[in-house]
Amino acid sequence: EVLVLTMEKFDLGIIAKSWGERATRKKEAFAFVKITVLIRKVK
């Protein structure tokens, strides 16, 4: 959770430059991270 929040803040400047593309990629990346975390919890 903390790492995600840190990455969020770090990304803000970059997102501002190319909002649409970045936002889409970020949602995909976030979903991937969530799935990875779920898999780790199951294992």
Protein backbone atom coordinates (compact mmCIF):
# COMPACT_ATOMS: atom_id res chain seq x y z
CA GLU A 1 0.00 0.00 0.00
CA VAL A 2 2.75 2.46 0.97
CA LEU A 3 4.78 1.58 -2.11
CA VAL A 4 1.76 2.14 -4.34
CA LEU A 5 1.12 5.55 -2.76
CA THR A 6 4.77 6.53 -3.23
CA MET A 7 4.69 5.48 -6.89
CA GLU A 8 1.44 7.44 -7.27
CA LYS A 9 3.09 10.66 -6.05
CA PHE A 10 6.21 10.03 -8.12
CA ASP A 11 4.11 9.52 -11.26
CA LEU A 12 2.02 12.70 -10.88
CA GLY A 13 4.42 14.92 -12.83
CA ILE A 14 4.73 12.44 -15.69
CA ILE A 15 0.97 11.85 -15.79
CA ALA A 16 0.35 15.58 -16.12
CA LYS A 17 2.39 15.55 -19.36
CA SER A 18 0.52 12.76 -21.12
CA TRP A 19 -2.64 12.16 -19.09
CA GLY A 20 -4.76 9.92 -21.33
CA GLU A 21 -2.10 7.40 -22.26
CA ARG A 22 -0.59 7.29 -18.80
CA ALA A 23 -3.92 6.86 -17.04
CA THR A 24 -4.76 3.83 -19.17
CA ARG A 25 -1.36 2.24 -18.61
CA LYS A 26 -1.57 2.96 -14.91
CA LYS A 27 -4.93 1.21 -14.56
CA GLU A 28 -3.52 -1.84 -16.34
CA ALA A 29 -0.41 -1.83 -14.17
CA PHE A 30 -2.50 -1.39 -11.01
CA ALA A 31 -4.74 -4.31 -11.96
CA PHE A 32 -1.65 -6.44 -12.63
CA VAL A 33 -0.21 -5.55 -9.22
CA LYS A 34 -3.50 -6.41 -7.50
CA ILE A 35 -3.62 -9.80 -9.24
CA THR A 36 0.02 -10.48 -8.31
CA VAL A 37 -0.69 -9.63 -4.67
CA LEU A 38 -3.74 -11.92 -4.65
CA ILE A 39 -1.70 -14.77 -6.12
CA ARG A 40 0.98 -14.26 -3.45
CA LYS A 41 -1.65 -14.34 -0.70
CA VAL A 42 -3.08 -17.59 -2.06
CA LYS A 43 0.41 -19.14 -2.16
